[in-house]
C-alpha atoms as a PDB file:
ATOM      1  CA  UNK A   1      -1.384 -75.100  14.060  1.00  0.00           C
ATOM      2  CA  UNK A   2      -3.363 -77.210  16.522  1.00  0.00           C
ATOM      3  CA  UNK A   3      -4.347 -76.186  20.018  1.00  0.00           C
ATOM      4  CA  UNK A   4      -2.525 -79.119  21.626  1.00  0.00           C
ATOM      5  CA  UNK A   5       0.787 -77.870  20.223  1.00  0.00           C
ATOM      6  CA  UNK A   6       0.639 -74.761  22.410  1.00  0.00           C
ATOM      7  CA  UNK A   7      -1.093 -76.031  25.528  1.00  0.00           C
ATOM      8  CA  UNK A   8       2.148 -76.257  27.432  1.00  0.00           C
ATOM      9  CA  UNK A   9       3.230 -72.685  26.779  1.00  0.00           C
ATOM     10  CA  UNK A  10       0.121 -70.522  26.483  1.00  0.00           C
ATOM     11  CA  UNK A  11      -1.255 -70.871  29.988  1.00  0.00           C
ATOM     12  CA  UNK A  12       1.829 -69.587  31.807  1.00  0.00           C
ATOM     13  CA  UNK A  13       1.230 -66.656  34.151  1.00  0.00           C
ATOM     14  CA  UNK A  14       3.161 -63.397  34.106  1.00  0.00           C
ATOM     15  CA  UNK A  15       3.379 -60.663  36.712  1.00  0.00           C
ATOM     16  CA  UNK A  16       2.204 -57.242  35.575  1.00  0.00           C
ATOM     17  CA  UNK A  17       3.760 -54.177  37.205  1.00  0.00           C
ATOM     18  CA  UNK A  18       3.507 -50.443  36.568  1.00  0.00           C
ATOM     19  CA  UNK A  19       5.583 -49.661  33.494  1.00  0.00           C
ATOM     20  CA  UNK A  20       8.875 -47.751  33.961  1.00  0.00           C
ATOM     21  CA  UNK A  21       7.709 -44.748  31.938  1.00  0.00           C
ATOM     22  CA  UNK A  22       4.688 -44.224  34.174  1.00  0.00           C
ATOM     23  CA  UNK A  23       6.810 -44.675  37.297  1.00  0.00           C
ATOM     24  CA  UNK A  24       9.257 -42.048  36.027  1.00  0.00           C
ATOM     25  CA  UNK A  25       6.432 -39.576  35.311  1.00  0.00           C
ATOM     26  CA  UNK A  26       5.041 -40.002  38.843  1.00  0.00           C
ATOM     27  CA  UNK A  27       8.546 -39.732  40.360  1.00  0.00           C
ATOM     28  CA  UNK A  28       9.164 -36.408  38.588  1.00  0.00           C
ATOM     29  CA  UNK A  29       5.943 -34.946  39.966  1.00  0.00           C
ATOM     30  CA  UNK A  30       6.725 -36.164  43.490  1.00  0.00           C
ATOM     31  CA  UNK A  31      10.195 -34.558  43.283  1.00  0.00           C
ATOM     32  CA  UNK A  32       8.606 -31.199  42.373  1.00  0.00           C
ATOM     33  CA  UNK A  33       6.156 -31.463  45.289  1.00  0.00           C
ATOM     34  CA  UNK A  34       8.873 -32.419  47.771  1.00  0.00           C
ATOM     35  CA  UNK A  35      10.981 -29.435  46.750  1.00  0.00           C
ATOM     36  CA  UNK A  36       8.018 -27.114  47.169  1.00  0.00           C
ATOM     37  CA  UNK A  37       6.870 -28.507  50.539  1.00  0.00           C
ATOM     38  CA  UNK A  38      10.019 -29.359  52.471  1.00  0.00           C
ATOM     39  CA  UNK A  39      11.209 -25.815  53.193  1.00  0.00           C
ATOM     40  CA  UNK A  40       7.732 -24.428  53.982  1.00  0.00           C
ATOM     41  CA  UNK A  41       6.882 -27.196  56.437  1.00  0.00           C
ATOM     42  CA  UNK A  42      10.304 -26.952  58.048  1.00  0.00           C
ATOM     43  CA  UNK A  43       9.731 -23.246  58.800  1.00  0.00           C
ATOM     44  CA  UNK A  44       6.266 -23.866  60.299  1.00  0.00           C
ATOM     45  CA  UNK A  45       7.583 -26.770  62.380  1.00  0.00           C
ATOM     46  CA  UNK A  46      10.476 -24.662  63.713  1.00  0.00           C
ATOM     47  CA  UNK A  47       8.115 -21.886  64.766  1.00  0.00           C
ATOM     48  CA  UNK A  48       5.920 -24.349  66.648  1.00  0.00           C
ATOM     49  CA  UNK A  49       8.781 -25.368  68.972  1.00  0.00           C
ATOM     50  CA  UNK A  50       8.684 -22.313  71.340  1.00  0.00           C
ATOM     51  CA  UNK A  51       4.985 -22.843  72.155  1.00  0.00           C
ATOM     52  CA  UNK A  52       4.998 -26.672  72.226  1.00  0.00           C
ATOM     53  CA  UNK A  53       2.672 -28.266  73.411  1.00  0.00           C
ATOM     54  CA  UNK A  54       0.265 -25.359  74.042  1.00  0.00           C
ATOM     55  CA  UNK A  55      -2.738 -26.283  71.919  1.00  0.00           C
ATOM     56  CA  UNK A  56      -4.203 -22.805  71.375  1.00  0.00           C
ATOM     57  CA  UNK A  57      -0.856 -21.297  70.366  1.00  0.00           C
ATOM     58  CA  UNK A  58      -0.047 -24.219  68.062  1.00  0.00           C
ATOM     59  CA  UNK A  59      -3.443 -23.989  66.362  1.00  0.00           C
ATOM     60  CA  UNK A  60      -2.941 -20.261  65.855  1.00  0.00           C
ATOM     61  CA  UNK A  61       0.346 -20.984  64.050  1.00  0.00           C
ATOM     62  CA  UNK A  62      -1.311 -23.668  61.908  1.00  0.00           C
ATOM     63  CA  UNK A  63      -4.051 -21.275  60.830  1.00  0.00           C
ATOM     64  CA  UNK A  64      -1.391 -18.779  59.750  1.00  0.00           C
ATOM     65  CA  UNK A  65       0.388 -21.611  57.946  1.00  0.00           C
ATOM     66  CA  UNK A  66      -2.634 -22.240  55.733  1.00  0.00           C
ATOM     67  CA  UNK A  67      -1.944 -18.948  53.935  1.00  0.00           C
ATOM     68  CA  UNK A  68       1.682 -20.012  53.431  1.00  0.00           C
ATOM     69  CA  UNK A  69       0.632 -23.279  51.792  1.00  0.00           C
ATOM     70  CA  UNK A  70      -2.008 -22.209  49.249  1.00  0.00           C
ATOM     71  CA  UNK A  71      -2.867 -25.739  48.086  1.00  0.00           C
ATOM     72  CA  UNK A  72      -2.942 -27.383  51.507  1.00  0.00           C
ATOM     73  CA  UNK A  73      -6.190 -29.010  52.671  1.00  0.00           C
ATOM     74  CA  UNK A  74      -5.381 -29.564  56.375  1.00  0.00           C
ATOM     75  CA  UNK A  75      -2.533 -28.851  58.796  1.00  0.00           C
ATOM     76  CA  UNK A  76      -2.234 -30.597  62.175  1.00  0.00           C
ATOM     77  CA  UNK A  77       0.316 -31.577  64.818  1.00  0.00           C
ATOM     78  CA  UNK A  78       0.973 -35.001  66.325  1.00  0.00           C
ATOM     79  CA  UNK A  79       2.942 -36.221  69.314  1.00  0.00           C
ATOM     80  CA  UNK A  80       5.740 -38.769  69.012  1.00  0.00           C
ATOM     81  CA  UNK A  81       3.201 -41.626  68.946  1.00  0.00           C
ATOM     82  CA  UNK A  82       1.216 -39.983  66.122  1.00  0.00           C
ATOM     83  CA  UNK A  83      -1.669 -38.957  68.393  1.00  0.00           C
ATOM     84  CA  UNK A  84      -3.136 -35.647  67.251  1.00  0.00           C
ATOM     85  CA  UNK A  85      -2.572 -32.776  69.719  1.00  0.00           C
ATOM     86  CA  UNK A  86      -4.349 -30.055  67.715  1.00  0.00           C
ATOM     87  CA  UNK A  87      -7.484 -29.699  65.662  1.00  0.00           C
ATOM     88  CA  UNK A  88      -7.173 -29.793  61.904  1.00  0.00           C
ATOM     89  CA  UNK A  89      -6.554 -26.298  60.591  1.00  0.00           C
ATOM     90  CA  UNK A  90      -8.305 -25.614  57.279  1.00  0.00           C
ATOM     91  CA  UNK A  91      -9.344 -22.542  55.317  1.00  0.00           C
ATOM     92  CA  UNK A  92     -12.611 -22.280  57.236  1.00  0.00           C
ATOM     93  CA  UNK A  93     -11.020 -22.470  60.686  1.00  0.00           C
ATOM     94  CA  UNK A  94     -10.520 -25.494  62.948  1.00  0.00           C
ATOM     95  CA  UNK A  95     -11.981 -28.995  62.845  1.00  0.00           C
ATOM     96  CA  UNK A  96     -12.281 -29.739  66.568  1.00  0.00           C
ATOM     97  CA  UNK A  97     -13.370 -33.346  66.104  1.00  0.00           C
ATOM     98  CA  UNK A  98      -9.938 -34.277  64.769  1.00  0.00           C
ATOM     99  CA  UNK A  99      -8.242 -33.495  68.087  1.00  0.00           C
ATOM    100  CA  UNK A 100      -7.000 -36.683  69.752  1.00  0.00           C
ATOM    101  CA  UNK A 101      -7.163 -38.731  66.546  1.00  0.00           C
ATOM    102  CA  UNK A 102      -4.802 -41.712  66.388  1.00  0.00           C
ATOM    103  CA  UNK A 103      -2.967 -41.565  63.064  1.00  0.00           C
ATOM    104  CA  UNK A 104      -0.321 -44.170  63.949  1.00  0.00           C
ATOM    105  CA  UNK A 105      -1.832 -46.785  61.640  1.00  0.00           C
ATOM    106  CA  UNK A 106      -2.252 -44.540  58.597  1.00  0.00           C
ATOM    107  CA  UNK A 107       0.196 -45.454  55.803  1.00  0.00           C
ATOM    108  CA  UNK A 108       1.543 -41.922  55.406  1.00  0.00           C
ATOM    109  CA  UNK A 109       2.981 -41.820  58.955  1.00  0.00           C
ATOM    110  CA  UNK A 110       5.096 -44.978  58.710  1.00  0.00           C
ATOM    111  CA  UNK A 111       8.190 -43.340  57.206  1.00  0.00           C
ATOM    112  CA  UNK A 112       8.152 -40.580  59.838  1.00  0.00           C
ATOM    113  CA  UNK A 113       7.805 -43.072  62.703  1.00  0.00           C
ATOM    114  CA  UNK A 114      10.769 -44.938  61.227  1.00  0.00           C
ATOM    115  CA  UNK A 115      12.948 -41.836  61.679  1.00  0.00           C
ATOM    116  CA  UNK A 116      12.596 -39.703  58.535  1.00  0.00           C
ATOM    117  CA  UNK A 117      12.659 -35.941  59.124  1.00  0.00           C
ATOM    118  CA  UNK A 118      10.535 -35.285  56.041  1.00  0.00           C
ATOM    119  CA  UNK A 119       8.396 -37.667  53.997  1.00  0.00           C
ATOM    120  CA  UNK A 120       5.809 -37.435  51.261  1.00  0.00           C
ATOM    121  CA  UNK A 121       3.368 -40.301  51.117  1.00  0.00           C
ATOM    122  CA  UNK A 122       2.230 -42.262  48.129  1.00  0.00           C
ATOM    123  CA  UNK A 123      -1.229 -41.228  46.988  1.00  0.00           C
ATOM    124  CA  UNK A 124      -4.057 -42.793  48.996  1.00  0.00           C
ATOM    125  CA  UNK A 125      -7.852 -42.462  49.291  1.00  0.00           C
ATOM    126  CA  UNK A 126      -8.694 -40.056  52.114  1.00  0.00           C
ATOM    127  CA  UNK A 127     -11.020 -41.134  54.910  1.00  0.00           C
ATOM    128  CA  UNK A 128     -12.979 -37.874  55.015  1.00  0.00           C
ATOM    129  CA  UNK A 129     -13.637 -37.049  51.355  1.00  0.00           C
ATOM    130  CA  UNK A 130     -12.802 -40.428  49.783  1.00  0.00           C
ATOM    131  CA  UNK A 131     -10.566 -38.768  47.189  1.00  0.00           C
ATOM    132  CA  UNK A 132      -6.954 -39.343  46.060  1.00  0.00           C
ATOM    133  CA  UNK A 133      -4.721 -37.454  48.496  1.00  0.00           C
ATOM    134  CA  UNK A 134      -1.117 -36.971  49.613  1.00  0.00           C
ATOM    135  CA  UNK A 135       0.281 -36.280  53.075  1.00  0.00           C
ATOM    136  CA  UNK A 136       3.602 -34.640  53.894  1.00  0.00           C
ATOM    137  CA  UNK A 137       5.055 -35.228  57.362  1.00  0.00           C
ATOM    138  CA  UNK A 138       7.733 -32.989  58.897  1.00  0.00           C
ATOM    139  CA  UNK A 139       9.443 -33.928  62.174  1.00  0.00           C
ATOM    140  CA  UNK A 140       9.343 -31.248  64.874  1.00  0.00           C
ATOM    141  CA  UNK A 141      12.600 -31.093  66.890  1.00  0.00           C
ATOM    142  CA  UNK A 142      13.790 -28.717  69.614  1.00  0.00           C
ATOM    143  CA  UNK A 143      17.149 -26.935  69.812  1.00  0.00           C
ATOM    144  CA  UNK A 144      18.742 -30.053  71.307  1.00  0.00           C
ATOM    145  CA  UNK A 145      17.439 -32.140  68.378  1.00  0.00           C
ATOM    146  CA  UNK A 146      14.930 -33.921  70.602  1.00  0.00           C
ATOM    147  CA  UNK A 147      11.873 -35.167  68.719  1.00  0.00           C
ATOM    148  CA  UNK A 148       8.729 -33.412  69.945  1.00  0.00           C
ATOM    149  CA  UNK A 149       6.285 -34.709  67.357  1.00  0.00           C
ATOM    150  CA  UNK A 150       5.224 -34.248  63.778  1.00  0.00           C
ATOM    151  CA  UNK A 151       3.626 -31.642  61.547  1.00  0.00           C
ATOM    152  CA  UNK A 152       1.202 -33.124  59.037  1.00  0.00           C
ATOM    153  CA  UNK A 153      -0.076 -31.505  55.848  1.00  0.00           C
ATOM    154  CA  UNK A 154      -2.796 -33.113  53.733  1.00  0.00           C
ATOM    155  CA  UNK A 155      -3.324 -32.312  50.042  1.00  0.00           C
ATOM    156  CA  UNK A 156      -6.185 -33.170  47.722  1.00  0.00           C
ATOM    157  CA  UNK A 157      -4.660 -34.245  44.387  1.00  0.00           C
ATOM    158  CA  UNK A 158      -7.292 -32.389  42.394  1.00  0.00           C
ATOM    159  CA  UNK A 159      -6.325 -29.098  44.080  1.00  0.00           C
ATOM    160  CA  UNK A 160      -2.557 -29.325  43.521  1.00  0.00           C
ATOM    161  CA  UNK A 161      -1.014 -27.079  40.845  1.00  0.00           C
ATOM    162  CA  UNK A 162      -0.822 -28.712  37.411  1.00  0.00           C
ATOM    163  CA  UNK A 163       2.955 -28.946  37.130  1.00  0.00           C
ATOM    164  CA  UNK A 164       3.080 -32.325  35.434  1.00  0.00           C
ATOM    165  CA  UNK A 165       3.092 -32.975  31.717  1.00  0.00           C
ATOM    166  CA  UNK A 166       0.543 -35.435  30.388  1.00  0.00           C
ATOM    167  CA  UNK A 167       1.752 -39.019  30.589  1.00  0.00           C
ATOM    168  CA  UNK A 168       2.820 -40.545  27.276  1.00  0.00           C
ATOM    169  CA  UNK A 169       2.120 -44.233  26.776  1.00  0.00           C
ATOM    170  CA  UNK A 170       5.344 -46.029  25.766  1.00  0.00           C
ATOM    171  CA  UNK A 171       5.152 -47.912  22.480  1.00  0.00           C
ATOM    172  CA  UNK A 172       6.198 -51.327  23.711  1.00  0.00           C
ATOM    173  CA  UNK A 173       4.757 -54.821  23.772  1.00  0.00           C
ATOM    174  CA  UNK A 174       2.576 -55.395  26.832  1.00  0.00           C
ATOM    175  CA  UNK A 175       0.675 -58.533  27.789  1.00  0.00           C
ATOM    176  CA  UNK A 176      -2.276 -58.529  30.195  1.00  0.00           C
ATOM    177  CA  UNK A 177      -3.843 -61.677  31.569  1.00  0.00           C
ATOM    178  CA  UNK A 178      -7.609 -62.029  31.402  1.00  0.00           C
ATOM    179  CA  UNK A 179     -10.260 -63.883  33.392  1.00  0.00           C
ATOM    180  CA  UNK A 180      -8.709 -67.030  35.001  1.00  0.00           C
ATOM    181  CA  UNK A 181     -12.037 -68.838  34.651  1.00  0.00           C
ATOM    182  CA  UNK A 182     -11.943 -68.357  30.877  1.00  0.00           C
ATOM    183  CA  UNK A 183      -8.301 -69.427  30.641  1.00  0.00           C
ATOM    184  CA  UNK A 184      -9.018 -72.505  32.731  1.00  0.00           C
ATOM    185  CA  UNK A 185     -11.683 -73.670  30.308  1.00  0.00           C
ATOM    186  CA  UNK A 186      -9.811 -72.666  27.172  1.00  0.00           C
ATOM    187  CA  UNK A 187      -9.353 -76.156  25.721  1.00  0.00           C
ATOM    188  CA  UNK A 188     -12.990 -77.080  26.291  1.00  0.00           C
ATOM    189  CA  UNK A 189     -14.254 -74.462  23.857  1.00  0.00           C
ATOM    190  CA  UNK A 190     -14.270 -73.974  20.115  1.00  0.00           C
ATOM    191  CA  UNK A 191     -14.713 -70.940  17.925  1.00  0.00           C
ATOM    192  CA  UNK A 192     -18.297 -70.417  16.782  1.00  0.00           C
ATOM    193  CA  UNK A 193     -18.660 -68.733  13.409  1.00  0.00           C
ATOM    194  CA  UNK A 194     -19.979 -65.228  13.926  1.00  0.00           C
ATOM    195  CA  UNK A 195     -21.885 -63.019  11.517  1.00  0.00           C
ATOM    196  CA  UNK A 196     -18.733 -60.945  11.100  1.00  0.00           C
ATOM    197  CA  UNK A 197     -16.722 -64.074  10.255  1.00  0.00           C
ATOM    198  CA  UNK A 198     -19.074 -64.761   7.361  1.00  0.00           C
ATOM    199  CA  UNK A 199     -18.520 -61.286   5.875  1.00  0.00           C
ATOM    200  CA  UNK A 200     -15.078 -60.517   7.239  1.00  0.00           C
ATOM    201  CA  UNK A 201     -13.469 -59.498   3.941  1.00  0.00           C
ATOM    202  CA  UNK A 202     -16.102 -56.845   3.255  1.00  0.00           C
ATOM    203  CA  UNK A 203     -16.020 -55.638   6.863  1.00  0.00           C
ATOM    204  CA  UNK A 204     -12.239 -55.197   6.837  1.00  0.00           C
ATOM    205  CA  UNK A 205     -12.330 -53.360   3.509  1.00  0.00           C
ATOM    206  CA  UNK A 206     -14.944 -50.964   4.888  1.00  0.00           C
ATOM    207  CA  UNK A 207     -12.887 -50.399   8.071  1.00  0.00           C
ATOM    208  CA  UNK A 208      -9.765 -49.762   6.005  1.00  0.00           C
ATOM    209  CA  UNK A 209     -11.653 -47.152   3.973  1.00  0.00           C
ATOM    210  CA  UNK A 210     -13.037 -45.468   7.088  1.00  0.00           C
ATOM    211  CA  UNK A 211      -9.566 -45.198   8.627  1.00  0.00           C
ATOM    212  CA  UNK A 212      -7.594 -44.116   5.571  1.00  0.00           C
ATOM    213  CA  UNK A 213     -10.165 -41.831   3.918  1.00  0.00           C
ATOM    214  CA  UNK A 214     -12.906 -40.916   6.409  1.00  0.00           C
ATOM    215  CA  UNK A 215     -11.126 -39.776   9.574  1.00  0.00           C
ATOM    216  CA  UNK A 216     -11.487 -42.810  11.859  1.00  0.00           C
ATOM    217  CA  UNK A 217      -8.342 -42.861  14.006  1.00  0.00           C
ATOM    218  CA  UNK A 218      -9.244 -45.540  16.570  1.00  0.00           C
ATOM    219  CA  UNK A 219     -11.168 -48.691  15.734  1.00  0.00           C
ATOM    220  CA  UNK A 220     -11.943 -51.779  17.777  1.00  0.00           C
ATOM    221  CA  UNK A 221     -13.441 -54.780  16.019  1.00  0.00           C
ATOM    222  CA  UNK A 222     -15.270 -57.355  18.120  1.00  0.00           C
ATOM    223  CA  UNK A 223     -15.200 -60.388  15.850  1.00  0.00           C
ATOM    224  CA  UNK A 224     -17.074 -62.749  18.162  1.00  0.00           C
ATOM    225  CA  UNK A 225     -19.950 -60.344  18.822  1.00  0.00           C
ATOM    226  CA  UNK A 226     -19.940 -58.819  15.305  1.00  0.00           C
ATOM    227  CA  UNK A 227     -19.664 -55.147  16.190  1.00  0.00           C
ATOM    228  CA  UNK A 228     -17.164 -52.307  16.097  1.00  0.00           C
ATOM    229  CA  UNK A 229     -16.554 -49.097  18.010  1.00  0.00           C
ATOM    230  CA  UNK A 230     -15.016 -46.202  16.074  1.00  0.00           C
ATOM    231  CA  UNK A 231     -13.592 -42.787  17.024  1.00  0.00           C
ATOM    232  CA  UNK A 232     -13.406 -39.999  14.423  1.00  0.00           C
ATOM    233  CA  UNK A 233     -10.874 -37.129  14.372  1.00  0.00           C
ATOM    234  CA  UNK A 234     -13.508 -34.395  13.969  1.00  0.00           C
ATOM    235  CA  UNK A 235     -15.477 -35.620  17.004  1.00  0.00           C
ATOM    236  CA  UNK A 236     -12.937 -37.469  19.177  1.00  0.00           C
ATOM    237  CA  UNK A 237     -14.852 -37.430  22.460  1.00  0.00           C
ATOM    238  CA  UNK A 238     -17.693 -39.667  21.209  1.00  0.00           C
ATOM    239  CA  UNK A 239     -17.473 -43.179  19.828  1.00  0.00           C
ATOM    240  CA  UNK A 240     -19.715 -44.682  17.158  1.00  0.00           C
ATOM    241  CA  UNK A 241     -21.045 -48.202  17.617  1.00  0.00           C
ATOM    242  CA  UNK A 242     -21.887 -50.279  14.541  1.00  0.00           C
ATOM    243  CA  UNK A 243     -23.340 -53.768  14.231  1.00  0.00           C
ATOM    244  CA  UNK A 244     -22.766 -56.205  11.403  1.00  0.00           C
ATOM    245  CA  UNK A 245     -25.511 -54.773   9.181  1.00  0.00           C
ATOM    246  CA  UNK A 246     -23.677 -51.429   9.141  1.00  0.00           C
ATOM    247  CA  UNK A 247     -20.188 -52.872   8.881  1.00  0.00           C
ATOM    248  CA  UNK A 248     -20.943 -55.217   5.998  1.00  0.00           C
ATOM    249  CA  UNK A 249     -22.321 -52.368   3.887  1.00  0.00           C
ATOM    250  CA  UNK A 250     -19.926 -50.036   2.022  1.00  0.00           C
ATOM    251  CA  UNK A 251     -22.737 -47.457   2.292  1.00  0.00           C
ATOM    252  CA  UNK A 252     -21.447 -46.884   5.835  1.00  0.00           C
ATOM    253  CA  UNK A 253     -18.675 -44.739   4.318  1.00  0.00           C
ATOM    254  CA  UNK A 254     -21.307 -42.246   3.182  1.00  0.00           C
ATOM    255  CA  UNK A 255     -22.055 -41.476   6.839  1.00  0.00           C
ATOM    256  CA  UNK A 256     -18.489 -40.270   7.483  1.00  0.00           C
ATOM    257  CA  UNK A 257     -16.944 -37.178   5.841  1.00  0.00           C
ATOM    258  CA  UNK A 258     -13.793 -37.321   3.741  1.00  0.00           C
ATOM    259  CA  UNK A 259     -10.804 -36.419   5.937  1.00  0.00           C
ATOM    260  CA  UNK A 260      -7.181 -36.214   4.827  1.00  0.00           C
ATOM    261  CA  UNK A 261      -5.096 -38.905   6.515  1.00  0.00           C
ATOM    262  CA  UNK A 262      -3.362 -37.210   9.480  1.00  0.00           C
ATOM    263  CA  UNK A 263       0.240 -36.272   8.776  1.00  0.00           C
ATOM    264  CA  UNK A 264       1.200 -36.986  12.389  1.00  0.00           C
ATOM    265  CA  UNK A 265      -0.266 -40.500  12.491  1.00  0.00           C
ATOM    266  CA  UNK A 266       2.219 -43.085  13.768  1.00  0.00           C
ATOM    267  CA  UNK A 267       0.784 -45.777  11.473  1.00  0.00           C
ATOM    268  CA  UNK A 268       1.221 -45.055   7.734  1.00  0.00           C
ATOM    269  CA  UNK A 269      -2.010 -45.196   5.748  1.00  0.00           C
ATOM    270  CA  UNK A 270      -0.593 -47.927   3.500  1.00  0.00           C
ATOM    271  CA  UNK A 271       0.025 -50.164   6.546  1.00  0.00           C
ATOM    272  CA  UNK A 272      -3.587 -50.225   7.751  1.00  0.00           C
ATOM    273  CA  UNK A 273      -4.757 -52.882   5.287  1.00  0.00           C
ATOM    274  CA  UNK A 274      -1.906 -55.179   6.343  1.00  0.00           C
ATOM    275  CA  UNK A 275      -2.798 -54.816  10.024  1.00  0.00           C
ATOM    276  CA  UNK A 276      -6.428 -55.685   9.301  1.00  0.00           C
ATOM    277  CA  UNK A 277      -5.270 -58.675   7.238  1.00  0.00           C
ATOM    278  CA  UNK A 278      -3.296 -59.871  10.268  1.00  0.00           C
ATOM    279  CA  UNK A 279      -6.453 -59.580  12.360  1.00  0.00           C
ATOM    280  CA  UNK A 280      -8.179 -61.875   9.868  1.00  0.00           C
ATOM    281  CA  UNK A 281      -5.381 -64.448  10.037  1.00  0.00           C
ATOM    282  CA  UNK A 282      -5.363 -64.448  13.829  1.00  0.00           C
ATOM    283  CA  UNK A 283      -9.135 -64.843  13.880  1.00  0.00           C
ATOM    284  CA  UNK A 284      -8.948 -68.059  11.857  1.00  0.00           C
ATOM    285  CA  UNK A 285      -5.552 -69.358  12.982  1.00  0.00           C
ATOM    286  CA  UNK A 286      -6.987 -72.063  15.255  1.00  0.00           C
ATOM    287  CA  UNK A 287     -10.392 -73.340  16.335  1.00  0.00           C
ATOM    288  CA  UNK A 288      -9.529 -73.102  20.037  1.00  0.00           C
ATOM    289  CA  UNK A 289      -7.099 -70.200  20.311  1.00  0.00           C
ATOM    290  CA  UNK A 290      -8.306 -67.368  18.120  1.00  0.00           C
ATOM    291  CA  UNK A 291      -8.717 -63.594  18.041  1.00  0.00           C
ATOM    292  CA  UNK A 292     -11.860 -62.291  19.734  1.00  0.00           C
ATOM    293  CA  UNK A 293     -11.203 -58.591  19.164  1.00  0.00           C
ATOM    294  CA  UNK A 294      -8.604 -56.383  17.529  1.00  0.00           C
ATOM    295  CA  UNK A 295      -7.925 -52.678  18.022  1.00  0.00           C
ATOM    296  CA  UNK A 296      -5.693 -50.155  16.280  1.00  0.00           C
ATOM    297  CA  UNK A 297      -5.007 -46.500  16.957  1.00  0.00           C
ATOM    298  CA  UNK A 298      -3.159 -44.647  14.221  1.00  0.00           C
ATOM    299  CA  UNK A 299      -1.838 -41.938  16.587  1.00  0.00           C
ATOM    300  CA  UNK A 300      -0.575 -44.274  19.302  1.00  0.00           C
ATOM    301  CA  UNK A 301       0.807 -46.561  16.628  1.00  0.00           C
ATOM    302  CA  UNK A 302      -0.466 -49.471  18.708  1.00  0.00           C
ATOM    303  CA  UNK A 303      -2.632 -52.511  18.124  1.00  0.00           C
ATOM    304  CA  UNK A 304      -4.382 -54.600  20.765  1.00  0.00           C
ATOM    305  CA  UNK A 305      -5.321 -58.243  20.366  1.00  0.00           C
ATOM    306  CA  UNK A 306      -7.662 -60.096  22.720  1.00  0.00           C
ATOM    307  CA  UNK A 307      -7.803 -63.861  22.317  1.00  0.00           C
ATOM    308  CA  UNK A 308     -10.235 -66.611  23.228  1.00  0.00           C
ATOM    309  CA  UNK A 309      -8.261 -67.190  26.430  1.00  0.00           C
ATOM    310  CA  UNK A 310      -9.175 -63.582  27.403  1.00  0.00           C
ATOM    311  CA  UNK A 311      -5.519 -62.541  27.327  1.00  0.00           C
ATOM    312  CA  UNK A 312      -4.690 -59.259  25.594  1.00  0.00           C
ATOM    313  CA  UNK A 313      -1.504 -58.102  23.859  1.00  0.00           C
ATOM    314  CA  UNK A 314      -0.738 -54.426  23.207  1.00  0.00           C
ATOM    315  CA  UNK A 315       2.084 -53.896  20.723  1.00  0.00           C
ATOM    316  CA  UNK A 316       3.527 -51.453  18.213  1.00  0.00           C
ATOM    317  CA  UNK A 317       2.006 -52.050  14.799  1.00  0.00           C
ATOM    318  CA  UNK A 318       5.431 -52.968  13.394  1.00  0.00           C
ATOM    319  CA  UNK A 319       5.657 -55.943  15.755  1.00  0.00           C
ATOM    320  CA  UNK A 320       2.442 -57.364  14.365  1.00  0.00           C
ATOM    321  CA  UNK A 321       3.490 -56.693  10.783  1.00  0.00           C
ATOM    322  CA  UNK A 322       7.103 -57.846  10.993  1.00  0.00           C
ATOM    323  CA  UNK A 323       6.988 -60.603  13.619  1.00  0.00           C
ATOM    324  CA  UNK A 324       3.770 -62.279  12.567  1.00  0.00           C
ATOM    325  CA  UNK A 325       5.089 -65.844  12.357  1.00  0.00           C
ATOM    326  CA  UNK A 326       6.835 -65.591  15.731  1.00  0.00           C
ATOM    327  CA  UNK A 327       3.650 -64.254  17.276  1.00  0.00           C
ATOM    328  CA  UNK A 328       1.469 -67.018  15.876  1.00  0.00           C
ATOM    329  CA  UNK A 329       3.639 -69.618  17.607  1.00  0.00           C
ATOM    330  CA  UNK A 330       4.015 -67.666  20.863  1.00  0.00           C
ATOM    331  CA  UNK A 331       2.066 -67.168  24.039  1.00  0.00           C
ATOM    332  CA  UNK A 332      -1.360 -65.572  23.539  1.00  0.00           C
ATOM    333  CA  UNK A 333      -2.660 -66.043  27.052  1.00  0.00           C
END
């Protein structure tokens, strides 16, 4: 297959958005937080009405409110234009310098100013501590339902209770665009034979042995720069980096202990050699569009392919194994 045959299709752009599974995980956590916060803030706001807008009395109620909201960082009150009419209440007392602060342009206040009685912001980077934070805003209304202002509660994400389950990466095909400068010059370049190319059969046999017999569960092969990074099940927090001299020598297997192939691996041991063979074919499929690096993780069941255009595909291993011919003629940018 020549590079000119695919020039018209491989440089198309595609929008990348947060995947639905991740959005759902975040939405579940936000629902839990809203349920926890809405009633507590409503009670505090209601009890501020009789002393509105007496600053000292309002600040006294906010300080008491800090014990009612154990994970809250700051509590404060705003007028109808989002100008702060109290200090920030925090566990150490009051932050006087926050009195009079204009919060009308902060993103977390927009929904409240638009008429919402209760809102929970998207996460943002706080101005004070420069950390991921959330703000809940509760409208303060009198007995005649007249808007008096707003009660604000800031939360540091790292201090919130750990109610969420760990996010699970969905096993679906995902394409990520790379450096536009590299893509723009794609058809002015040609694959240069690397040291790994010259010994690729031996390298892939060694990698197959390390994965199926010696406990390597995640491997990334950098064909163009002739190196590999490996993660081993008995020491998963540290990667091993090997150059071509290591990778081209079967003696490398002596440096890794024998480990039974994990029973809960998503990729069967017998499929690993076929995946590595596909890496080889994609490396040599064309002199212009070719594989620069390939990754597989036997627990995720995923492979990643980065091409000369700097585009990367993440896909279930079955897609690479069973749809190989379709992939070779498709978009790799």
